[in-house]
Structures are given as structure tokens and as C-alpha cells.
Amino acid sequence: MQNVFTRIAAIILLSALILPACSTPATPAPLPTETPKPTSTNTSVPTDTATPTVTPRPTATPNLAATQKYEQFNQEIQSYYDQGFLDTTEGTIEEIDDFSNDWAQLGWYQWMPIDQKADDFFLSAHFRWMSAYKNADESGCGLIFALQPDRSHYAVFLDRSKIIFLDADSSYGSYSLPVGKTRGSGTVKFGNPGEADFTLIVKGNSAYVLVDGELIGEYTLAKSRELHGDIGLSTLSGTNKDYGTRCEMTNIHTWTPE
């Protein structure tokens, strides 16, 4: 498993065991030659963080709690299908271990791949995030998807005030650029700390972001881009102070169609 960083562009803000990050630009930084770099909103490699693993559930002898959980998963899938976000209810659910990460590099995000590749999928989780500085810049929990060997990917974050949806094409260097909304407000309202249920659904070239079960934004992905790629859990930092931004994710699960 690897950790990665990327920077978000200045017009907005964005391993061996540890991969690169992404940032928000000014002038794109050159790609590293030996070890992958972070994605910016500035780059540096994170310290030791636990690597999430995929844990299929239930076990061979399901109990009542596992049965109830899978009934909830089935209801969630059916709901997305009824709303037109999915083309089928047939697929595979996998649970991911809880995730926690501190990241203190203003305007940069880092990620951890979860050993799962997909093009069409959804990932749901309960997010809780906070920053050491009360008035921190854009920051929060999120994820990356469509990650390619050249580090091109998309990234999505739940900030206190909005959804941050980024395109980190390798041609941008260590920077990422915003993806405009096709529909929806794209806005939310949380304090510091913030807490919410988050879902990203990718179907073809459309991506849907739901917060607490409500569609906040729909986004159109480039048809020229390869969307089958790795998925990762990510943290966007809004301050260099103390621990920076802390992201905690629980009840993480993915669904992929058969």
C-alpha cells in the first residue's frame, strides 16, 4: 500500500510504502523521477499511517448484526438504483477498515489506495474531520478514483462549505484543477469539526456526490480519460498548524456492479 500527495491549483486550492500528493497551483512542480510525489494544494511525504485493507463481510457463519448490516446495504443499493444513479442492483459489496489520518500541509492532499480498481462503483462512509486552526482553508475527508500509473486521477472532498471536485491530470504536474458541476448546488454547511455521511457514485462519465443521503452535486467526467483505476481514501489539509487537518472515516464500504 502507498500514501500519495497532490496539490490543488492556486485558482482554488490539492511510496515503497508512501506515494505522492497534489496541490493548488501557482506554477506546476515537475514530477519526481524515482518516487511518486504528492498532489498539491505543496508536497511532502506523510509520516507513518495505517494502511486500510479490504475486508469482505460477512464471515462464513453470519450473525444477526451482520444480517442487519447487509439488509441496510441492500436498501442503500436499491435507493441509488431507484434514483437512477445505478443501472443495476446486482453487484458486490466490500467493507473497508476504518481510516484515520492527520495531515498538516496547507493546500495539499494525500491518499492511501485500498487495493481496489473500478470504473463504475460507489463508495460510502461516515466522515468526521477537524482542523487545528479554527478558520482553516478548504479541507476535509475525501477520496481519489481513476488513479492511473502516471498518477492521473480525480479527487473529491467534503469541506465545511462545499464539495471540492478535482481533476489531477498528469499533464498538470503536482497540481489539480476544479471540475465544474453539471447540476446541484455543490454547497454544504458544517462547523469545525464537521461530521456527515458521504457517498460518491460513478456511473459511466457521470459522478454523483451525496451528503447525508441528499444529492449535492453531479459532475461530468472527461470521455477521453481512462476511468478504470485505483480508488483511495484521502485527506485535504487546510492548515500547517499542529496536526493540520484530521480525517476519520467509519462504515466504509464499496459497491461494484457484476
Protein backbone atom coordinates (compact mmCIF):
# COMPACT_ATOMS: atom_id res chain seq x y z
CA MET A 1 0.00 0.00 0.00
CA GLN A 2 1.12 3.51 -0.63
CA ASN A 3 0.42 7.05 0.50
CA VAL A 4 0.14 9.80 -2.04
CA PHE A 5 0.08 13.60 -2.22
CA THR A 6 -1.24 16.17 -4.70
CA ARG A 7 -1.71 19.88 -4.72
CA ILE A 8 -4.86 21.89 -5.64
CA ALA A 9 -4.35 24.78 -8.11
CA ALA A 10 -3.96 28.39 -6.95
CA ILE A 11 -7.19 29.41 -8.56
CA ILE A 12 -8.85 27.23 -5.91
CA LEU A 13 -6.82 25.21 -3.78
CA LEU A 14 -4.96 19.84 -3.95
CA SER A 15 5.52 5.31 -1.95
CA ALA A 16 7.66 1.89 -1.46
CA LEU A 17 5.08 2.47 1.20
CA ILE A 18 4.28 6.13 0.63
CA LEU A 19 3.12 7.71 -2.65
CA PRO A 20 2.83 11.38 -3.82
CA ALA A 21 0.35 14.21 -3.14
CA CYS A 22 -1.41 17.00 -5.11
CA SER A 23 -1.69 20.80 -4.62
CA THR A 24 -3.39 24.02 -5.66
CA PRO A 25 -1.01 25.75 -8.03
CA ALA A 26 0.84 28.67 -8.88
CA THR A 27 3.39 27.05 -11.18
CA PRO A 28 3.21 23.26 -11.55
CA ALA A 29 6.12 21.43 -9.98
CA PRO A 30 7.98 18.78 -12.02
CA LEU A 31 7.04 15.13 -11.49
CA PRO A 32 9.53 13.12 -9.42
CA THR A 33 11.74 10.73 -11.30
CA GLU A 34 12.12 7.96 -8.76
CA THR A 35 9.42 8.03 -6.09
CA PRO A 36 5.90 9.30 -6.88
CA LYS A 37 5.07 12.72 -5.44
CA PRO A 38 2.10 14.12 -3.54
CA THR A 39 -0.74 16.04 -5.16
CA SER A 40 -0.89 19.65 -4.19
CA THR A 41 -2.98 22.30 -2.67
CA ASN A 42 2.65 21.56 -1.59
CA THR A 43 4.46 18.36 -1.32
CA SER A 44 5.93 16.29 1.44
CA VAL A 45 5.59 12.66 2.35
CA PRO A 46 3.35 11.82 5.30
CA THR A 47 4.59 10.06 8.38
CA ASP A 48 3.52 6.55 9.26
CA THR A 49 -0.17 5.99 8.70
CA ALA A 50 -2.04 2.72 8.87
CA THR A 51 -2.82 1.08 5.55
CA PRO A 52 -6.51 0.31 5.07
CA THR A 53 -7.36 -3.15 3.85
CA VAL A 54 -10.42 -4.56 2.16
CA THR A 55 -12.36 -6.94 4.37
CA PRO A 56 -15.21 -8.84 2.68
CA ARG A 57 -18.16 -9.46 5.02
CA PRO A 58 -19.99 -11.34 6.41
CA THR A 59 -17.98 -14.34 7.58
CA ALA A 60 -18.85 -17.94 6.80
CA THR A 61 -21.33 -18.01 9.68
CA PRO A 62 -23.26 -14.72 9.54
CA ASN A 63 -24.79 -13.47 12.76
CA LEU A 64 -27.79 -11.22 13.35
CA ALA A 65 -25.75 -7.99 13.31
CA ALA A 66 -24.11 -8.95 10.01
CA THR A 67 -27.50 -9.83 8.53
CA GLN A 68 -28.96 -6.48 9.60
CA LYS A 69 -25.95 -4.65 8.16
CA TYR A 70 -26.36 -6.35 4.80
CA GLU A 71 -30.05 -5.55 4.77
CA GLN A 72 -29.03 -1.89 5.18
CA PHE A 73 -26.55 -2.24 2.33
CA ASN A 74 -29.28 -3.72 0.12
CA GLN A 75 -31.60 -0.84 0.98
CA GLU A 76 -28.86 1.64 0.13
CA ILE A 77 -28.21 -0.01 -3.25
CA GLN A 78 -31.93 -0.12 -4.04
CA SER A 79 -32.28 3.57 -3.16
CA TYR A 80 -29.49 4.59 -5.55
CA TYR A 81 -31.00 2.40 -8.26
CA ASP A 82 -34.46 3.93 -7.77
CA GLN A 83 -32.95 7.42 -8.10
CA GLY A 84 -31.23 6.49 -11.37
CA PHE A 85 -27.68 6.58 -10.01
CA LEU A 86 -27.15 2.86 -10.75
CA ASP A 87 -28.10 0.73 -13.76
CA THR A 88 -28.41 -2.47 -11.74
CA THR A 89 -28.75 -3.69 -8.17
CA GLU A 90 -26.57 -6.74 -8.88
CA GLY A 91 -23.06 -6.29 -7.58
CA THR A 92 -20.54 -6.84 -4.83
CA ILE A 93 -20.29 -5.01 -1.51
CA GLU A 94 -16.95 -4.90 0.28
CA GLU A 95 -16.19 -3.30 3.61
CA ILE A 96 -13.01 -1.31 4.28
CA ASP A 97 -11.28 -0.95 7.64
CA ASP A 98 -11.79 2.35 9.50
CA PHE A 99 -9.41 5.10 8.41
CA SER A 100 -7.77 7.90 10.39
CA ASN A 101 -5.13 10.35 9.22
CA ASP A 102 -3.58 13.70 10.26
CA TRP A 103 -2.14 15.88 7.51
CA ALA A 104 -0.51 19.29 8.06
CA GLN A 105 0.45 20.75 4.71
CA LEU A 106 -1.75 23.65 3.68
CA GLY A 107 -3.36 23.24 0.28
CA TRP A 108 -2.20 19.65 -0.29
CA TYR A 109 -3.92 16.30 -0.07
CA GLN A 110 -2.56 12.78 0.35
CA TRP A 111 -4.19 9.41 -0.22
CA MET A 112 -4.00 5.70 0.53
CA PRO A 113 -5.09 3.22 -2.16
CA ILE A 114 -7.41 0.47 -0.89
CA ASP A 115 -6.32 -2.30 -3.28
CA GLN A 116 -9.44 -1.95 -5.38
CA LYS A 117 -9.81 -1.00 -9.04
CA ALA A 118 -13.10 0.03 -10.64
CA ASP A 119 -14.72 2.36 -13.15
CA ASP A 120 -18.39 2.14 -12.16
CA PHE A 121 -18.74 1.96 -8.37
CA PHE A 122 -19.91 3.73 -5.27
CA LEU A 123 -18.08 4.34 -2.02
CA SER A 124 -19.96 5.32 1.13
CA ALA A 125 -18.55 6.24 4.54
CA HIS A 126 -19.19 8.30 7.63
CA PHE A 127 -16.79 11.26 7.64
CA ARG A 128 -15.60 13.21 10.65
CA TRP A 129 -12.96 15.89 10.14
CA MET A 130 -11.45 18.82 12.01
CA SER A 131 -8.59 21.28 11.65
CA ALA A 132 -6.18 22.58 14.29
CA TYR A 133 -6.87 26.14 13.10
CA LYS A 134 -10.48 27.24 13.54
CA ASN A 135 -10.55 29.24 10.29
CA ALA A 136 -8.57 26.72 8.25
CA ASP A 137 -8.65 26.89 4.46
CA GLU A 138 -10.59 24.34 2.40
CA SER A 139 -10.02 20.93 3.96
CA GLY A 140 -11.66 17.65 4.86
CA CYS A 141 -12.08 13.95 4.15
CA GLY A 142 -12.40 12.60 0.64
CA LEU A 143 -11.23 10.04 -1.86
CA ILE A 144 -9.46 9.66 -5.16
CA PHE A 145 -10.50 7.42 -8.04
CA ALA A 146 -9.50 6.53 -11.62
CA LEU A 147 -5.87 6.59 -10.41
CA GLN A 148 -3.52 5.65 -13.25
CA PRO A 149 0.15 4.59 -13.25
CA ASP A 150 1.16 8.14 -14.28
CA ARG A 151 -0.74 9.44 -11.19
CA SER A 152 -3.61 11.00 -13.15
CA HIS A 153 -6.79 10.78 -11.06
CA TYR A 154 -9.91 12.54 -9.84
CA ALA A 155 -10.29 13.65 -6.21
CA VAL A 156 -13.40 14.60 -4.22
CA PHE A 157 -13.51 16.21 -0.75
CA LEU A 158 -16.20 17.23 1.72
CA ASP A 159 -15.24 20.69 3.02
CA ARG A 160 -17.15 22.72 5.63
CA SER A 161 -18.87 24.78 2.93
CA LYS A 162 -18.76 22.85 -0.35
CA ILE A 163 -17.83 19.82 -2.38
CA ILE A 164 -14.32 20.10 -3.81
CA PHE A 165 -14.13 18.02 -7.02
CA LEU A 166 -10.71 17.99 -8.68
CA ASP A 167 -9.09 16.74 -11.87
CA ALA A 168 -5.41 15.85 -11.36
CA ASP A 169 -4.26 15.01 -14.89
CA SER A 170 -0.55 14.11 -15.03
CA SER A 171 -0.02 16.95 -17.53
CA TYR A 172 -0.67 19.41 -14.66
CA GLY A 173 2.38 18.21 -12.74
CA SER A 174 1.73 18.08 -8.99
CA TYR A 175 -1.39 20.22 -9.26
CA SER A 176 -5.10 19.66 -9.70
CA LEU A 177 -7.88 21.75 -11.20
CA PRO A 178 -11.58 22.04 -10.29
CA VAL A 179 -14.31 20.14 -12.14
CA GLY A 180 -17.46 22.19 -12.69
CA LYS A 181 -20.90 20.99 -11.59
CA THR A 182 -23.40 19.64 -14.12
CA ARG A 183 -26.21 20.17 -11.62
CA GLY A 184 -26.76 20.69 -7.92
CA SER A 185 -25.62 23.42 -5.55
CA GLY A 186 -22.33 21.81 -4.59
CA THR A 187 -22.61 23.59 -1.23
CA VAL A 188 -22.92 22.33 2.35
CA LYS A 189 -22.63 23.87 5.80
CA PHE A 190 -20.62 22.35 8.64
CA GLY A 191 -18.64 23.59 11.60
CA ASN A 192 -15.16 22.64 12.77
CA PRO A 193 -15.28 19.75 13.49
CA GLY A 194 -17.69 18.52 10.83
CA GLU A 195 -19.45 15.17 10.53
CA ALA A 196 -21.64 13.59 7.82
CA ASP A 197 -22.41 10.52 5.74
CA PHE A 198 -20.76 10.78 2.33
CA THR A 199 -21.29 8.83 -0.89
CA LEU A 200 -19.57 9.11 -4.27
CA ILE A 201 -21.25 7.24 -7.14
CA VAL A 202 -19.51 6.90 -10.52
CA LYS A 203 -21.57 5.62 -13.46
CA GLY A 204 -20.03 5.96 -16.91
CA ASN A 205 -18.88 9.56 -17.28
CA SER A 206 -21.16 10.87 -14.53
CA ALA A 207 -20.26 11.26 -10.87
CA TYR A 208 -22.79 11.95 -8.11
CA VAL A 209 -21.92 13.25 -4.63
CA LEU A 210 -24.43 12.68 -1.82
CA VAL A 211 -24.13 14.08 1.70
CA ASP A 212 -26.42 12.68 4.40
CA GLY A 213 -28.39 11.00 1.62
CA GLU A 214 -29.01 14.19 -0.37
CA LEU A 215 -27.62 14.79 -3.87
CA ILE A 216 -25.33 17.83 -3.54
CA GLY A 217 -23.70 17.76 -6.96
CA GLU A 218 -23.47 15.92 -10.26
CA TYR A 219 -20.24 16.15 -12.27
CA THR A 220 -19.30 15.12 -15.82
CA LEU A 221 -16.00 13.31 -16.27
CA ALA A 222 -13.85 13.63 -19.39
CA LYS A 223 -14.69 11.00 -22.01
CA SER A 224 -11.06 10.96 -23.07
CA ARG A 225 -9.89 9.82 -19.63
CA GLU A 226 -9.40 6.22 -18.54
CA LEU A 227 -11.75 5.74 -15.57
CA HIS A 228 -10.85 2.18 -14.64
CA GLY A 229 -8.26 2.69 -11.94
CA ASP A 230 -7.39 2.54 -8.27
CA ILE A 231 -9.53 4.03 -5.51
CA GLY A 232 -8.00 5.64 -2.43
CA LEU A 233 -9.01 7.35 0.82
CA SER A 234 -7.75 10.90 1.13
CA THR A 235 -7.22 13.90 3.43
CA LEU A 236 -7.02 17.53 2.30
CA SER A 237 -5.13 19.82 4.70
CA GLY A 238 -6.31 23.35 5.41
CA THR A 239 -3.50 24.47 7.73
CA ASN A 240 0.13 23.88 8.65
CA LYS A 241 -0.66 24.34 12.36
CA ASP A 242 -0.15 21.43 14.79
CA TYR A 243 -1.75 18.26 13.40
CA GLY A 244 -3.19 20.19 10.45
CA THR A 245 -6.43 18.51 9.34
CA ARG A 246 -7.59 15.24 10.87
CA CYS A 247 -9.84 12.89 8.90
CA GLU A 248 -11.66 9.91 10.37
CA MET A 249 -13.79 7.53 8.29
CA THR A 250 -16.00 4.72 9.57
CA ASN A 251 -18.58 2.39 7.99
CA ILE A 252 -16.57 2.50 4.74
CA HIS A 253 -17.90 0.24 2.02
CA THR A 254 -17.76 -0.01 -1.75
CA TRP A 255 -20.12 -1.48 -4.31
CA THR A 256 -19.19 -2.57 -7.83
CA PRO A 257 -21.66 -3.94 -10.42
CA GLU A 258 -21.46 -7.51 -11.66
